[in-house]
Structure formats: C-alpha cells, structure tokens
Amino acid sequence: MASIIRPKINRRQWPRHEKKYLVQIATSLQSGFSPASVSNFSRGGLCFVHSEILDKGAVVMVRLPQDLVGLARDVKGRVKWCVPSGTGGFAIGIQYEEPLRWTRYE
C-alpha cells in the first residue's frame, strides 16, 4: 500500500520573512528594554530569542528598527508560545495586537 503525501498547509495570514535583526523588548515598564534577536517576522508577529522565559499570553513591547519595517516604531504584542532555544535562552513567538499596515518587505 502506497503512503499518501499530503502538502503542508500554510495557516499563516501573511508571508514570513527569514531575517536576522536585533530588536529591543520590554516585558514591563519597570524592566525597561533589553536586546532580543529576531529570526523571522511578518505583518502579524515575529519570533525572537530572549534570555528570559515568558508566559503564554504575556504582553510585550517590541521596539522595531527602521531597517526592519521601514519606519522605527514600538508595537505591542502577546506571547503565543515560548520554548527553549537550541542556541541558549528561549525562542518566543508573539502576535502583534494590530497587524503592521506596512512593511518594507511587502
């Protein structure tokens, strides 16, 4: 009996861009911003590596640089998932509260 190969379904609303960038992340007003390394992003969210574990649903502020999205700005997002990273720290996926209306990659 031959096995059936099903195509992988892309559930994402916007294309993901695989780019390495350094952004600033704030998990609270008291903590201030700290560096995080982005591995991919889209109009709806991004994935970054950070030294701290973050709870699913936690609110974070991300300071996006101009060369990433075309206009420097701070955006608010929610943690969708957080797993240990193979390079140390934690890989964290966030969804923006509001999708970016523009990006230099689209």
N, C-alpha and C. Protein backbone atom coordinates (compact mmCIF):
# COMPACT_ATOMS: atom_id res chain seq x y z
N MET A 1 0.84 -1.18 0.00
CA MET A 1 0.00 0.00 0.00
C MET A 1 0.89 1.25 0.00
N ALA A 2 0.65 2.13 -0.93
CA ALA A 2 1.44 3.36 -1.04
C ALA A 2 0.95 4.38 -0.02
N SER A 3 1.90 5.10 0.55
CA SER A 3 1.50 6.14 1.50
C SER A 3 1.15 7.41 0.74
N ILE A 4 0.22 8.13 1.29
CA ILE A 4 -0.23 9.38 0.67
C ILE A 4 0.55 10.53 1.29
N ILE A 5 1.14 11.34 0.43
CA ILE A 5 1.86 12.52 0.90
C ILE A 5 0.94 13.71 0.74
N ARG A 6 0.64 14.33 1.86
CA ARG A 6 -0.22 15.50 1.83
C ARG A 6 0.63 16.76 1.89
N PRO A 7 0.29 17.75 1.09
CA PRO A 7 1.06 19.00 1.14
C PRO A 7 0.85 19.68 2.50
N LYS A 8 1.91 20.32 2.97
CA LYS A 8 1.83 21.06 4.23
C LYS A 8 0.99 22.32 4.00
N ILE A 9 0.04 22.54 4.87
CA ILE A 9 -0.85 23.69 4.74
C ILE A 9 -0.26 24.86 5.51
N ASN A 10 -0.14 25.99 4.84
CA ASN A 10 0.34 27.20 5.48
C ASN A 10 -0.85 27.91 6.12
N ARG A 11 -0.90 27.94 7.45
CA ARG A 11 -2.01 28.57 8.16
C ARG A 11 -1.76 30.05 8.40
N ARG A 12 -0.66 30.55 7.96
CA ARG A 12 -0.31 31.94 8.24
C ARG A 12 -1.06 32.89 7.32
N GLN A 13 -1.47 34.01 7.89
CA GLN A 13 -2.21 35.01 7.13
C GLN A 13 -1.27 35.85 6.26
N TRP A 14 -0.03 36.07 6.73
CA TRP A 14 0.93 36.88 5.99
C TRP A 14 2.22 36.10 5.78
N PRO A 15 2.95 36.40 4.72
CA PRO A 15 4.22 35.71 4.49
C PRO A 15 5.22 35.99 5.62
N ARG A 16 5.99 34.97 5.95
CA ARG A 16 7.03 35.10 6.96
C ARG A 16 8.34 35.42 6.25
N HIS A 17 9.11 36.33 6.82
CA HIS A 17 10.41 36.72 6.27
C HIS A 17 11.50 36.23 7.21
N GLU A 18 12.40 35.44 6.69
CA GLU A 18 13.52 34.90 7.48
C GLU A 18 14.67 35.91 7.43
N LYS A 19 14.76 36.75 8.42
CA LYS A 19 15.81 37.76 8.51
C LYS A 19 16.29 37.83 9.94
N LYS A 20 17.57 38.09 10.12
CA LYS A 20 18.16 38.26 11.45
C LYS A 20 18.24 39.75 11.76
N TYR A 21 17.63 40.15 12.86
CA TYR A 21 17.66 41.54 13.29
C TYR A 21 17.77 41.59 14.79
N LEU A 22 18.28 42.69 15.28
CA LEU A 22 18.30 42.94 16.71
C LEU A 22 17.20 43.94 17.02
N VAL A 23 16.33 43.58 17.96
CA VAL A 23 15.26 44.48 18.39
C VAL A 23 15.38 44.66 19.90
N GLN A 24 14.58 45.55 20.45
CA GLN A 24 14.53 45.76 21.89
C GLN A 24 13.16 45.30 22.38
N ILE A 25 13.15 44.57 23.51
CA ILE A 25 11.93 44.02 24.08
C ILE A 25 11.74 44.55 25.49
N ALA A 26 10.52 44.96 25.82
CA ALA A 26 10.19 45.35 27.19
C ALA A 26 9.04 44.48 27.67
N THR A 27 9.24 43.83 28.81
CA THR A 27 8.19 42.98 29.36
C THR A 27 7.37 43.72 30.42
N SER A 28 7.84 44.88 30.85
CA SER A 28 7.10 45.72 31.79
C SER A 28 7.70 47.12 31.76
N LEU A 29 6.98 48.08 32.29
CA LEU A 29 7.52 49.44 32.34
C LEU A 29 8.74 49.52 33.25
N GLN A 30 8.73 48.72 34.32
CA GLN A 30 9.83 48.74 35.27
C GLN A 30 11.10 48.10 34.71
N SER A 31 10.95 47.08 33.86
CA SER A 31 12.12 46.35 33.37
C SER A 31 12.90 47.13 32.31
N GLY A 32 12.24 48.01 31.60
CA GLY A 32 12.89 48.71 30.51
C GLY A 32 13.12 47.78 29.33
N PHE A 33 13.81 48.26 28.32
CA PHE A 33 14.06 47.46 27.11
C PHE A 33 15.35 46.67 27.24
N SER A 34 15.34 45.47 26.67
CA SER A 34 16.54 44.63 26.60
C SER A 34 16.63 44.03 25.20
N PRO A 35 17.85 43.69 24.75
CA PRO A 35 18.02 43.20 23.37
C PRO A 35 17.45 41.80 23.17
N ALA A 36 16.96 41.56 21.96
CA ALA A 36 16.48 40.24 21.54
C ALA A 36 16.81 40.08 20.07
N SER A 37 17.10 38.86 19.67
CA SER A 37 17.49 38.57 18.29
C SER A 37 16.32 37.96 17.53
N VAL A 38 15.84 38.67 16.50
CA VAL A 38 14.72 38.20 15.68
C VAL A 38 15.23 37.19 14.67
N SER A 39 14.47 36.10 14.50
CA SER A 39 14.84 35.13 13.46
C SER A 39 13.89 35.20 12.27
N ASN A 40 12.62 35.57 12.50
CA ASN A 40 11.69 35.77 11.40
C ASN A 40 10.56 36.68 11.84
N PHE A 41 9.89 37.28 10.86
CA PHE A 41 8.82 38.22 11.17
C PHE A 41 7.82 38.28 10.03
N SER A 42 6.65 38.82 10.31
CA SER A 42 5.62 39.05 9.31
C SER A 42 4.84 40.29 9.72
N ARG A 43 3.80 40.61 8.97
CA ARG A 43 2.95 41.74 9.35
C ARG A 43 2.20 41.46 10.64
N GLY A 44 2.04 40.19 10.99
CA GLY A 44 1.24 39.83 12.16
C GLY A 44 2.01 39.51 13.42
N GLY A 45 3.33 39.33 13.33
CA GLY A 45 4.10 38.99 14.52
C GLY A 45 5.53 38.67 14.19
N LEU A 46 6.25 38.16 15.19
CA LEU A 46 7.65 37.79 14.96
C LEU A 46 8.09 36.73 15.95
N CYS A 47 9.23 36.14 15.66
CA CYS A 47 9.87 35.16 16.53
C CYS A 47 11.23 35.73 16.92
N PHE A 48 11.53 35.70 18.23
CA PHE A 48 12.81 36.22 18.68
C PHE A 48 13.38 35.31 19.76
N VAL A 49 14.67 35.42 19.98
CA VAL A 49 15.34 34.69 21.06
C VAL A 49 15.67 35.70 22.15
N HIS A 50 15.32 35.33 23.38
CA HIS A 50 15.48 36.23 24.52
C HIS A 50 15.99 35.43 25.71
N SER A 51 16.68 36.09 26.62
CA SER A 51 17.26 35.39 27.77
C SER A 51 16.22 34.95 28.80
N GLU A 52 15.07 35.62 28.83
CA GLU A 52 14.03 35.32 29.83
C GLU A 52 12.93 34.44 29.25
N ILE A 53 12.40 33.54 30.08
CA ILE A 53 11.22 32.78 29.70
C ILE A 53 10.01 33.70 29.87
N LEU A 54 9.09 33.67 28.93
CA LEU A 54 7.88 34.49 29.02
C LEU A 54 6.65 33.58 28.97
N ASP A 55 5.67 33.91 29.77
CA ASP A 55 4.44 33.12 29.82
C ASP A 55 3.57 33.38 28.59
N LYS A 56 2.89 32.32 28.14
CA LYS A 56 1.93 32.46 27.05
C LYS A 56 0.87 33.48 27.49
N GLY A 57 0.56 34.43 26.61
CA GLY A 57 -0.41 35.47 26.90
C GLY A 57 0.19 36.74 27.47
N ALA A 58 1.47 36.69 27.87
CA ALA A 58 2.13 37.89 28.42
C ALA A 58 2.19 38.98 27.36
N VAL A 59 2.06 40.22 27.79
CA VAL A 59 2.15 41.37 26.89
C VAL A 59 3.59 41.86 26.85
N VAL A 60 4.09 42.12 25.65
CA VAL A 60 5.44 42.67 25.49
C VAL A 60 5.39 43.86 24.54
N MET A 61 6.34 44.76 24.70
CA MET A 61 6.50 45.88 23.79
C MET A 61 7.77 45.61 22.99
N VAL A 62 7.68 45.72 21.68
CA VAL A 62 8.83 45.48 20.80
C VAL A 62 9.18 46.77 20.10
N ARG A 63 10.44 47.17 20.21
CA ARG A 63 10.93 48.36 19.51
C ARG A 63 11.53 47.89 18.19
N LEU A 64 10.79 48.12 17.10
CA LEU A 64 11.22 47.69 15.76
C LEU A 64 12.09 48.76 15.13
N PRO A 65 13.25 48.37 14.58
CA PRO A 65 14.13 49.36 13.94
C PRO A 65 13.63 49.74 12.55
N GLN A 66 14.06 50.89 12.08
CA GLN A 66 13.65 51.39 10.77
C GLN A 66 14.03 50.43 9.65
N ASP A 67 15.21 49.83 9.71
CA ASP A 67 15.63 48.96 8.59
C ASP A 67 14.87 47.65 8.55
N LEU A 68 14.08 47.34 9.57
CA LEU A 68 13.27 46.12 9.55
C LEU A 68 11.92 46.37 8.89
N VAL A 69 11.23 47.43 9.27
CA VAL A 69 9.87 47.63 8.77
C VAL A 69 9.66 48.93 7.99
N GLY A 70 10.70 49.74 7.84
CA GLY A 70 10.59 50.95 7.05
C GLY A 70 10.37 52.22 7.85
N LEU A 71 9.95 52.09 9.12
CA LEU A 71 9.74 53.24 9.98
C LEU A 71 9.86 52.74 11.42
N ALA A 72 10.82 53.26 12.16
CA ALA A 72 11.02 52.80 13.54
C ALA A 72 9.75 53.03 14.34
N ARG A 73 9.38 52.04 15.15
CA ARG A 73 8.20 52.20 15.98
C ARG A 73 8.16 51.14 17.06
N ASP A 74 7.39 51.40 18.10
CA ASP A 74 7.15 50.42 19.15
C ASP A 74 5.79 49.78 18.90
N VAL A 75 5.73 48.47 19.00
CA VAL A 75 4.47 47.75 18.82
C VAL A 75 4.24 46.84 20.02
N LYS A 76 2.98 46.68 20.37
CA LYS A 76 2.60 45.81 21.48
C LYS A 76 2.17 44.46 20.91
N GLY A 77 2.57 43.39 21.61
CA GLY A 77 2.19 42.06 21.18
C GLY A 77 1.96 41.14 22.36
N ARG A 78 1.44 39.95 22.07
CA ARG A 78 1.20 38.92 23.07
C ARG A 78 1.99 37.67 22.74
N VAL A 79 2.54 37.05 23.77
CA VAL A 79 3.29 35.82 23.60
C VAL A 79 2.32 34.70 23.22
N LYS A 80 2.59 34.06 22.08
CA LYS A 80 1.78 32.92 21.63
C LYS A 80 2.41 31.61 22.05
N TRP A 81 3.75 31.57 22.11
CA TRP A 81 4.48 30.38 22.54
C TRP A 81 5.87 30.76 22.98
N CYS A 82 6.48 29.89 23.81
CA CYS A 82 7.83 30.11 24.32
C CYS A 82 8.45 28.75 24.58
N VAL A 83 9.57 28.46 23.92
CA VAL A 83 10.24 27.17 24.06
C VAL A 83 11.75 27.40 24.21
N PRO A 84 12.45 26.46 24.85
CA PRO A 84 13.91 26.59 24.94
C PRO A 84 14.53 26.67 23.54
N SER A 85 15.50 27.55 23.39
CA SER A 85 16.20 27.71 22.12
C SER A 85 17.44 26.82 22.09
N GLY A 86 17.75 26.28 20.95
CA GLY A 86 18.95 25.46 20.80
C GLY A 86 20.23 26.25 20.96
N THR A 87 20.15 27.57 20.88
CA THR A 87 21.33 28.43 21.00
C THR A 87 21.41 29.09 22.37
N GLY A 88 20.55 28.71 23.29
CA GLY A 88 20.51 29.33 24.61
C GLY A 88 19.36 30.31 24.71
N GLY A 89 18.84 30.50 25.87
CA GLY A 89 17.70 31.38 26.05
C GLY A 89 16.42 30.71 25.59
N PHE A 90 15.47 31.50 25.13
CA PHE A 90 14.16 30.99 24.75
C PHE A 90 13.72 31.58 23.42
N ALA A 91 13.19 30.74 22.54
CA ALA A 91 12.58 31.19 21.30
C ALA A 91 11.13 31.53 21.63
N ILE A 92 10.73 32.74 21.27
CA ILE A 92 9.42 33.25 21.66
C ILE A 92 8.69 33.78 20.42
N GLY A 93 7.47 33.34 20.24
CA GLY A 93 6.63 33.82 19.15
C GLY A 93 5.60 34.78 19.70
N ILE A 94 5.51 35.96 19.10
CA ILE A 94 4.48 36.91 19.53
C ILE A 94 3.59 37.29 18.36
N GLN A 95 2.38 37.66 18.70
CA GLN A 95 1.43 38.19 17.72
C GLN A 95 1.19 39.64 18.08
N TYR A 96 1.33 40.54 17.09
CA TYR A 96 1.08 41.95 17.34
C TYR A 96 -0.39 42.16 17.69
N GLU A 97 -0.68 43.15 18.54
CA GLU A 97 -2.08 43.49 18.83
C GLU A 97 -2.79 43.95 17.57
N GLU A 98 -2.10 44.72 16.76
CA GLU A 98 -2.63 45.19 15.47
C GLU A 98 -1.61 44.82 14.40
N PRO A 99 -2.04 44.19 13.30
CA PRO A 99 -1.08 43.88 12.23
C PRO A 99 -0.43 45.15 11.70
N LEU A 100 0.83 45.04 11.34
CA LEU A 100 1.51 46.18 10.73
C LEU A 100 0.83 46.49 9.41
N ARG A 101 0.55 47.74 9.18
CA ARG A 101 -0.12 48.13 7.94
C ARG A 101 0.87 48.30 6.80
N TRP A 102 2.14 48.30 7.14
CA TRP A 102 3.17 48.46 6.13
C TRP A 102 4.41 47.72 6.58
N THR A 103 5.17 47.33 5.64
CA THR A 103 6.49 46.79 5.90
C THR A 103 7.29 46.92 4.62
N ARG A 104 8.55 47.13 4.74
CA ARG A 104 9.37 47.31 3.54
C ARG A 104 9.53 46.03 2.74
N TYR A 105 9.10 44.88 3.29
CA TYR A 105 9.25 43.60 2.61
C TYR A 105 8.01 43.18 1.84
N GLU A 106 6.97 43.98 1.85
CA GLU A 106 5.75 43.61 1.11
C GLU A 106 5.29 44.74 0.24
